[in-house]
Amino acid sequence: MSSSNSLSIAVLPGDGIGPEVMAPCLEVIDAVASRVGDISLTFDQVDAGAACYRDHGDALPNETMDAARDADAILLAAMGMPDIRYPDGTEIAPQLDIRFELGLYAGVRPVRSIPGLPGPLADPRAQALDFVLIRESTEGLFASHGKGTIEDDREARDTMVITREVSEKLFNFSFELARKRKAAGHRGCLTCVDKANVFTSFAFFRSIFDQCATRNSDILADHAYVDATALNLVRNPWVYDVAVTENMFGDILSDLGAALIGGMGMAPSADIGDSNAVFQPCHGSAPDIVGSGKANPTAMFLSAAMMLEWLGDQHERPAYGKAGALLTAAVDKAFSGGSLVPFELGGESGTSKVTNAVLAAIDQVWDGSDLVATMGNMR
């Protein structure tokens, strides 16, 4: 962690379109920082991912992990390529190793509609979604990552792990996020999503949630089974405020949530621990469009906005939160007219066009005085 006035960012462009969305992301970060002022960031670009594994035999070199651990925040684009795999057939995913190594237990997946981009649901309420899925990111079924077994070519096993220590941290984080959202005008409701009617591990998960709920009585707490939640995210997603769930369930539901707001190219994320955090778009490396100029950088931009807001909160530096709010507002402004439509949504707005529109919107939104940090993506 930086001890000077400047905050350090470990930059991991990764694979596929990762470098293509990271470069403009650093450009827009510089733009909002220069408008707001009182911001000093140093960027340390380091190597990791499938190409790193192919070229050097190591997907996450020690020096990269050290840089990530020591940084004030980690900005990651995309990792993994379908044609580059470990000997057991699994894809290269060092982002998971970073989560485990740094204890980044709270996976924050905002689901927020962007003005000018209609979603797949016809109900007008679906055009103004604003809720957060929180995915536990270090255990659950993913605790078996790299540890699964196959017995005599007849049976495979992966083990789910739920611990009290991590679950309590997760729920405390989730209640606090619901509390901050309540202060900003949201409902102040936290839903525990599980399968407690079938699995002992999820009954344990729910019991810990209920115990935490008694210490957070100012927040409305309820439960939902994951299958019912999947149905309701399509039927009436506007009823949710904050929902918290296990790792695998969160992996699946967050993709469903991304579909509601235009797809993975519009969906930012963060994985947050006690002192470290990674910020990255929800999308993958998209090898089919590498070099075509079609990559949508929006989720990367919004992930950077989350990073700036988190840095402001973590280090009590309001300027960083203000810069994050400015970047989020600029993205909204850029899309609000309806003419900016990414390729994956049937339009012709590629990386450069989206970037230029957001850069122009930064100037349009910025007035230097009354823009305040709202923690919009996080809260």
Protein backbone atom coordinates (compact mmCIF):
# COMPACT_ATOMS: atom_id res chain seq x y z
CA MET A 1 0.00 0.00 0.00
CA SER A 2 1.18 3.49 -0.82
CA SER A 3 2.43 5.54 2.10
CA SER A 4 2.75 8.75 0.06
CA ASN A 5 0.00 11.07 -1.08
CA SER A 6 -0.19 9.12 -4.35
CA LEU A 7 -2.23 5.91 -4.49
CA SER A 8 -0.88 2.95 -6.45
CA ILE A 9 -2.90 0.89 -8.93
CA ALA A 10 -1.77 -2.52 -10.16
CA VAL A 11 -2.95 -2.73 -13.78
CA LEU A 12 -3.55 -6.20 -15.26
CA PRO A 13 -4.68 -5.89 -18.92
CA GLY A 14 -4.67 -9.68 -19.31
CA ASP A 15 -5.84 -11.43 -22.46
CA GLY A 16 -7.94 -10.96 -25.59
CA ILE A 17 -9.73 -7.61 -25.60
CA GLY A 18 -8.32 -6.85 -22.14
CA PRO A 19 -5.56 -4.54 -23.39
CA GLU A 20 -8.03 -2.95 -25.85
CA VAL A 21 -10.39 -1.81 -23.07
CA MET A 22 -7.70 -1.08 -20.48
CA ALA A 23 -5.90 1.58 -22.53
CA PRO A 24 -8.97 3.83 -22.98
CA CYS A 25 -9.94 3.16 -19.36
CA LEU A 26 -6.68 4.68 -18.15
CA GLU A 27 -7.39 7.61 -20.48
CA VAL A 28 -10.79 8.34 -18.94
CA ILE A 29 -9.39 7.94 -15.43
CA ASP A 30 -6.82 10.61 -16.27
CA ALA A 31 -9.59 12.80 -17.67
CA VAL A 32 -11.79 12.72 -14.56
CA ALA A 33 -8.77 13.06 -12.27
CA SER A 34 -7.63 16.19 -14.10
CA ARG A 35 -11.11 17.74 -13.87
CA VAL A 36 -11.58 17.05 -10.17
CA GLY A 37 -8.03 17.71 -9.02
CA ASP A 38 -6.40 16.65 -5.74
CA ILE A 39 -5.93 13.16 -7.16
CA SER A 40 -2.62 11.38 -7.62
CA LEU A 41 -2.46 7.87 -9.03
CA THR A 42 0.49 5.75 -10.11
CA PHE A 43 -0.12 2.82 -12.45
CA ASP A 44 2.03 -0.31 -12.42
CA GLN A 45 1.23 -2.55 -15.40
CA VAL A 46 1.99 -6.21 -14.72
CA ASP A 47 1.57 -9.45 -16.64
CA ALA A 48 -0.82 -12.31 -15.89
CA GLY A 49 -3.25 -14.53 -17.73
CA ALA A 50 -3.41 -17.17 -20.42
CA ALA A 51 -0.83 -15.60 -22.74
CA CYS A 52 1.52 -15.21 -19.80
CA TYR A 53 1.08 -18.92 -19.05
CA ARG A 54 1.65 -19.85 -22.69
CA ASP A 55 4.79 -17.74 -22.99
CA HIS A 56 6.32 -18.17 -19.54
CA GLY A 57 4.67 -21.22 -17.98
CA ASP A 58 3.12 -19.18 -15.16
CA ALA A 59 -0.31 -17.51 -15.29
CA LEU A 60 0.33 -15.43 -12.17
CA PRO A 61 4.04 -14.72 -11.62
CA ASN A 62 5.20 -13.98 -8.09
CA GLU A 63 6.14 -10.43 -9.01
CA THR A 64 2.62 -9.81 -10.31
CA MET A 65 1.06 -11.19 -7.14
CA ASP A 66 3.40 -9.06 -5.04
CA ALA A 67 2.45 -5.96 -7.02
CA ALA A 68 -1.24 -6.73 -6.59
CA ARG A 69 -0.85 -7.32 -2.86
CA ASP A 70 1.08 -4.09 -2.33
CA ALA A 71 -1.14 -1.86 -4.48
CA ASP A 72 -3.89 0.36 -3.11
CA ALA A 73 -6.24 -1.17 -5.71
CA ILE A 74 -6.10 -3.63 -8.60
CA LEU A 75 -7.61 -2.81 -12.00
CA LEU A 76 -8.07 -5.93 -14.13
CA ALA A 77 -9.46 -6.18 -17.65
CA ALA A 78 -9.94 -9.80 -18.77
CA MET A 79 -8.12 -13.09 -18.40
CA GLY A 80 -8.31 -16.49 -20.02
CA MET A 81 -8.44 -17.83 -23.57
CA PRO A 82 -10.47 -20.92 -24.55
CA ASP A 83 -7.60 -22.48 -26.50
CA ILE A 84 -5.05 -22.11 -23.68
CA ARG A 85 -5.71 -24.46 -20.78
CA TYR A 86 -4.08 -26.18 -17.85
CA PRO A 87 -3.19 -29.88 -18.26
CA ASP A 88 -6.44 -30.89 -16.48
CA GLY A 89 -8.48 -29.11 -19.16
CA THR A 90 -9.58 -26.11 -17.08
CA GLU A 91 -9.13 -22.57 -18.39
CA ILE A 92 -6.52 -20.15 -17.12
CA ALA A 93 -8.17 -17.98 -14.47
CA PRO A 94 -5.60 -16.23 -12.26
CA GLN A 95 -8.26 -13.73 -11.23
CA LEU A 96 -9.63 -16.51 -9.02
CA ASP A 97 -6.21 -17.06 -7.49
CA ILE A 98 -5.99 -13.35 -6.67
CA ARG A 99 -9.36 -13.49 -4.92
CA PHE A 100 -8.32 -16.47 -2.83
CA GLU A 101 -4.82 -15.16 -2.06
CA LEU A 102 -6.02 -11.72 -0.95
CA GLY A 103 -9.23 -12.87 0.74
CA LEU A 104 -11.54 -10.84 -1.50
CA TYR A 105 -14.73 -12.30 -0.10
CA ALA A 106 -17.28 -9.71 -1.26
CA GLY A 107 -18.00 -9.80 -4.99
CA VAL A 108 -20.02 -6.65 -5.73
CA ARG A 109 -22.07 -6.88 -8.93
CA PRO A 110 -24.20 -3.76 -9.52
CA VAL A 111 -27.23 -4.13 -11.78
CA ARG A 112 -28.03 -0.57 -12.85
CA SER A 113 -29.81 0.45 -16.04
CA ILE A 114 -27.99 2.97 -18.23
CA PRO A 115 -30.20 5.68 -19.78
CA GLY A 116 -30.68 5.23 -23.50
CA LEU A 117 -30.08 1.49 -23.52
CA PRO A 118 -33.36 -0.43 -23.35
CA GLY A 119 -33.15 -3.83 -21.73
CA PRO A 120 -34.85 -7.07 -22.76
CA LEU A 121 -37.90 -6.63 -20.51
CA ALA A 122 -40.93 -4.69 -21.73
CA ASP A 123 -42.09 -3.39 -18.33
CA PRO A 124 -41.09 0.31 -17.95
CA ARG A 125 -39.83 -0.43 -14.44
CA ALA A 126 -37.11 -2.60 -15.98
CA GLN A 127 -35.62 0.49 -17.64
CA ALA A 128 -34.64 1.94 -14.25
CA LEU A 129 -33.11 -1.00 -12.40
CA ASP A 130 -30.73 -0.26 -9.56
CA PHE A 131 -29.85 -3.15 -7.26
CA VAL A 132 -26.70 -4.97 -6.19
CA LEU A 133 -25.84 -8.66 -6.13
CA ILE A 134 -23.11 -9.59 -3.67
CA ARG A 135 -21.37 -12.85 -4.42
CA GLU A 136 -19.14 -14.49 -1.84
CA SER A 137 -15.92 -14.88 -3.84
CA THR A 138 -13.49 -17.10 -1.95
CA GLU A 139 -15.29 -20.29 -0.95
CA GLY A 140 -18.62 -21.99 -1.66
CA LEU A 141 -18.35 -24.40 -4.57
CA PHE A 142 -15.36 -22.45 -5.91
CA ALA A 143 -13.36 -23.66 -2.90
CA SER A 144 -12.77 -26.76 -5.03
CA HIS A 145 -11.05 -24.78 -7.79
CA GLY A 146 -8.00 -26.86 -8.70
CA LYS A 147 -8.84 -29.46 -6.04
CA GLY A 148 -11.54 -31.58 -7.66
CA THR A 149 -11.00 -35.32 -7.93
CA ILE A 150 -11.93 -38.04 -10.40
CA GLU A 151 -12.05 -41.57 -9.01
CA ASP A 152 -11.29 -44.44 -11.38
CA ASP A 153 -12.87 -42.61 -14.32
CA ARG A 154 -16.29 -43.29 -12.79
CA GLU A 155 -16.95 -40.47 -10.33
CA ALA A 156 -15.97 -36.84 -9.96
CA ARG A 157 -16.17 -34.75 -6.77
CA ASP A 158 -16.01 -31.05 -6.00
CA THR A 159 -16.67 -29.97 -2.43
CA MET A 160 -18.54 -26.84 -1.32
CA VAL A 161 -17.18 -25.02 1.71
CA ILE A 162 -19.09 -22.48 3.84
CA THR A 163 -17.30 -21.06 6.88
CA ARG A 164 -18.65 -18.91 9.68
CA GLU A 165 -15.67 -16.55 9.54
CA VAL A 166 -16.07 -15.63 5.88
CA SER A 167 -19.87 -15.65 5.96
CA GLU A 168 -19.98 -13.20 8.86
CA LYS A 169 -17.61 -10.85 7.03
CA LEU A 170 -19.71 -11.17 3.89
CA PHE A 171 -22.98 -10.44 5.67
CA ASN A 172 -21.54 -7.54 7.67
CA PHE A 173 -20.30 -6.02 4.40
CA SER A 174 -23.70 -6.60 2.78
CA PHE A 175 -25.70 -5.05 5.62
CA GLU A 176 -23.42 -2.01 5.58
CA LEU A 177 -23.87 -1.63 1.83
CA ALA A 178 -27.66 -1.86 2.24
CA ARG A 179 -27.40 0.78 4.97
CA LYS A 180 -25.45 3.15 2.72
CA ARG A 181 -27.97 2.63 -0.07
CA LYS A 182 -30.81 3.31 2.35
CA ALA A 183 -29.20 6.63 3.27
CA ALA A 184 -29.10 7.42 -0.47
CA GLY A 185 -32.84 6.76 -0.86
CA HIS A 186 -33.04 3.03 -1.59
CA ARG A 187 -35.20 0.56 0.33
CA GLY A 188 -32.59 -0.69 2.76
CA CYS A 189 -33.38 -4.37 2.23
CA LEU A 190 -30.95 -7.31 2.15
CA THR A 191 -32.02 -10.67 0.71
CA CYS A 192 -30.12 -13.87 1.46
CA VAL A 193 -30.27 -16.13 -1.60
CA ASP A 194 -29.62 -19.81 -0.85
CA LYS A 195 -30.90 -23.36 -1.12
CA ALA A 196 -31.40 -23.90 2.61
CA ASN A 197 -34.33 -26.25 2.06
CA VAL A 198 -32.05 -28.89 0.52
CA PHE A 199 -28.42 -28.50 1.59
CA THR A 200 -26.96 -28.45 5.09
CA SER A 201 -24.28 -26.00 3.98
CA PHE A 202 -26.92 -23.49 2.88
CA ALA A 203 -28.97 -23.97 6.03
CA PHE A 204 -25.78 -23.05 7.90
CA PHE A 205 -25.27 -20.07 5.57
CA ARG A 206 -28.81 -18.85 6.28
CA SER A 207 -28.49 -19.32 10.04
CA ILE A 208 -25.39 -17.10 10.09
CA PHE A 209 -27.26 -14.52 8.02
CA ASP A 210 -30.14 -14.53 10.50
CA GLN A 211 -27.75 -14.03 13.40
CA CYS A 212 -26.17 -11.05 11.62
CA ALA A 213 -29.64 -9.68 10.85
CA THR A 214 -30.43 -9.41 14.56
CA ARG A 215 -27.46 -7.02 14.89
CA ASN A 216 -28.64 -4.95 11.92
CA SER A 217 -32.29 -4.44 12.73
CA ASP A 218 -32.43 -1.11 10.86
CA ILE A 219 -32.19 -3.08 7.60
CA LEU A 220 -35.05 -5.24 6.37
CA ALA A 221 -33.72 -8.79 6.00
CA ASP A 222 -35.40 -11.61 4.09
CA HIS A 223 -34.60 -14.88 2.29
CA ALA A 224 -35.18 -16.37 -1.14
CA TYR A 225 -34.30 -19.69 -2.73
CA VAL A 226 -31.97 -19.38 -5.70
CA ASP A 227 -34.37 -20.94 -8.19
CA ALA A 228 -37.14 -18.51 -7.20
CA THR A 229 -34.65 -15.65 -7.40
CA ALA A 230 -33.67 -16.62 -10.95
CA LEU A 231 -37.35 -16.56 -11.90
CA ASN A 232 -37.97 -13.21 -10.21
CA LEU A 233 -34.93 -11.56 -11.80
CA VAL A 234 -36.72 -12.06 -15.10
CA ARG A 235 -40.29 -11.48 -13.91
CA ASN A 236 -39.85 -8.52 -11.52
CA PRO A 237 -36.19 -7.60 -10.88
CA TRP A 238 -37.12 -4.14 -9.60
CA VAL A 239 -38.18 -5.62 -6.23
CA TYR A 240 -34.54 -6.18 -5.19
CA ASP A 241 -32.25 -3.79 -3.33
CA VAL A 242 -29.22 -5.82 -2.19
CA ALA A 243 -29.00 -9.61 -2.47
CA VAL A 244 -26.19 -11.76 -1.07
CA THR A 245 -25.39 -15.33 -2.04
CA GLU A 246 -22.81 -18.11 -2.34
CA ASN A 247 -20.04 -18.07 -4.92
CA MET A 248 -21.44 -20.32 -7.65
CA PHE A 249 -24.99 -19.01 -7.32
CA GLY A 250 -23.61 -15.48 -7.50
CA ASP A 251 -21.60 -16.33 -10.60
CA ILE A 252 -24.75 -17.44 -12.37
CA LEU A 253 -27.17 -14.79 -11.09
CA SER A 254 -24.78 -11.92 -11.82
CA ASP A 255 -24.71 -12.91 -15.49
CA LEU A 256 -28.50 -12.91 -15.50
CA GLY A 257 -28.39 -9.47 -13.91
CA ALA A 258 -25.96 -8.26 -16.59
CA ALA A 259 -28.39 -9.39 -19.29
CA LEU A 260 -31.05 -7.12 -17.79
CA ILE A 261 -28.91 -4.02 -18.39
CA GLY A 262 -27.53 -4.72 -21.84
CA GLY A 263 -25.10 -7.58 -21.36
CA MET A 264 -21.65 -8.24 -20.01
CA GLY A 265 -20.16 -5.25 -21.79
CA MET A 266 -22.21 -2.94 -19.58
CA ALA A 267 -21.64 -4.77 -16.27
CA PRO A 268 -18.89 -3.68 -13.84
CA SER A 269 -17.75 -5.55 -10.75
CA ALA A 270 -15.53 -5.46 -7.70
CA ASP A 271 -14.09 -8.12 -5.42
CA ILE A 272 -13.40 -6.59 -2.03
CA GLY A 273 -11.63 -7.83 1.08
CA ASP A 274 -10.59 -6.25 4.34
CA SER A 275 -7.83 -4.16 2.77
CA ASN A 276 -7.46 -5.16 -0.91
CA ALA A 277 -9.84 -4.94 -3.86
CA VAL A 278 -9.96 -5.89 -7.54
CA PHE A 279 -12.11 -3.99 -10.03
CA GLN A 280 -12.92 -5.55 -13.38
CA PRO A 281 -15.64 -5.80 -16.03
CA CYS A 282 -17.80 -8.89 -15.85
CA HIS A 283 -17.05 -9.84 -19.44
CA GLY A 284 -14.36 -12.23 -20.59
CA SER A 285 -11.54 -11.92 -23.10
CA ALA A 286 -13.82 -12.20 -26.18
CA PRO A 287 -11.25 -13.76 -28.55
CA ASP A 288 -13.69 -13.62 -31.47
CA ILE A 289 -13.50 -9.81 -31.69
CA VAL A 290 -9.87 -9.17 -30.74
CA GLY A 291 -8.35 -6.49 -32.97
CA SER A 292 -11.66 -5.61 -34.64
CA GLY A 293 -12.28 -2.39 -32.71
CA LYS A 294 -15.66 -3.73 -31.57
CA ALA A 295 -14.81 -4.23 -27.89
CA ASN A 296 -17.16 -2.31 -25.60
CA PRO A 297 -15.16 -0.49 -22.87
CA THR A 298 -18.21 0.61 -20.84
CA ALA A 299 -18.01 -2.08 -18.16
CA MET A 300 -14.30 -1.32 -17.81
CA PHE A 301 -15.07 2.39 -17.33
CA LEU A 302 -17.75 1.68 -14.74
CA SER A 303 -15.42 -0.71 -12.89
CA ALA A 304 -12.86 2.12 -12.75
CA ALA A 305 -15.56 4.39 -11.35
CA MET A 306 -16.21 1.83 -8.62
CA MET A 307 -12.47 1.73 -7.92
CA LEU A 308 -12.25 5.50 -7.56
CA GLU A 309 -15.25 5.56 -5.23
CA TRP A 310 -13.82 2.74 -3.12
CA LEU A 311 -10.44 4.46 -2.89
CA GLY A 312 -12.15 7.63 -1.74
CA ASP A 313 -14.06 5.75 0.93
CA GLN A 314 -11.12 3.58 1.98
CA HIS A 315 -8.64 6.45 2.30
CA GLU A 316 -11.09 9.21 3.28
CA ARG A 317 -10.27 11.23 0.17
CA PRO A 318 -13.49 12.78 -1.16
CA ALA A 319 -11.89 13.85 -4.45
CA TYR A 320 -11.55 10.23 -5.53
CA GLY A 321 -15.20 9.53 -4.82
CA LYS A 322 -16.12 12.65 -6.75
CA ALA A 323 -14.04 11.46 -9.71
CA GLY A 324 -15.82 8.12 -9.64
CA ALA A 325 -19.20 9.82 -9.56
CA LEU A 326 -18.14 12.02 -12.48
CA LEU A 327 -17.12 9.00 -14.55
CA THR A 328 -20.42 7.22 -13.86
CA ALA A 329 -22.38 10.35 -14.74
CA ALA A 330 -20.36 10.76 -17.94
CA VAL A 331 -21.16 7.20 -19.03
CA ASP A 332 -24.85 7.86 -18.42
CA LYS A 333 -24.65 11.13 -20.36
CA ALA A 334 -22.87 9.50 -23.29
CA PHE A 335 -25.57 6.86 -23.73
CA SER A 336 -28.58 8.96 -22.79
CA GLY A 337 -29.29 10.22 -26.31
CA GLY A 338 -29.79 6.71 -27.65
CA SER A 339 -27.40 7.05 -30.59
CA LEU A 340 -24.46 5.31 -28.89
CA VAL A 341 -25.14 1.58 -29.29
CA PRO A 342 -22.39 -1.06 -28.88
CA PHE A 343 -21.98 -3.81 -31.45
CA GLU A 344 -23.24 -6.54 -29.13
CA LEU A 345 -26.55 -4.67 -28.86
CA GLY A 346 -26.96 -4.37 -32.60
CA GLY A 347 -25.26 -1.00 -33.05
CA GLU A 348 -21.99 0.15 -34.56
CA SER A 349 -20.34 1.91 -31.61
CA GLY A 350 -16.94 0.36 -31.06
CA THR A 351 -14.14 1.03 -28.62
CA SER A 352 -13.07 4.39 -30.01
CA LYS A 353 -16.57 5.77 -30.47
CA VAL A 354 -17.65 4.87 -26.94
CA THR A 355 -14.42 6.23 -25.48
CA ASN A 356 -14.68 9.53 -27.34
CA ALA A 357 -18.32 9.92 -26.33
CA VAL A 358 -17.49 9.37 -22.66
CA LEU A 359 -14.53 11.77 -22.82
CA ALA A 360 -16.80 14.44 -24.33
CA ALA A 361 -19.45 13.75 -21.72
CA ILE A 362 -16.93 14.25 -18.90
CA ASP A 363 -16.58 17.88 -20.01
CA GLN A 364 -20.34 18.23 -20.44
CA VAL A 365 -21.15 16.87 -16.99
CA TRP A 366 -18.36 18.55 -15.08
CA ASP A 367 -19.22 21.87 -13.50
CA GLY A 368 -16.53 21.88 -10.82
CA SER A 369 -18.86 22.55 -7.92
CA ASP A 370 -22.05 20.64 -7.25
CA LEU A 371 -21.20 17.10 -8.42
CA VAL A 372 -20.96 14.96 -5.30
CA ALA A 373 -19.76 11.42 -4.78
CA THR A 374 -22.82 9.23 -4.33
CA MET A 375 -21.16 5.82 -4.44
CA GLY A 376 -23.71 5.15 -7.16
CA ASN A 377 -22.21 1.86 -8.38
CA MET A 378 -21.44 0.52 -4.93
CA ARG A 379 -24.56 1.73 -3.17
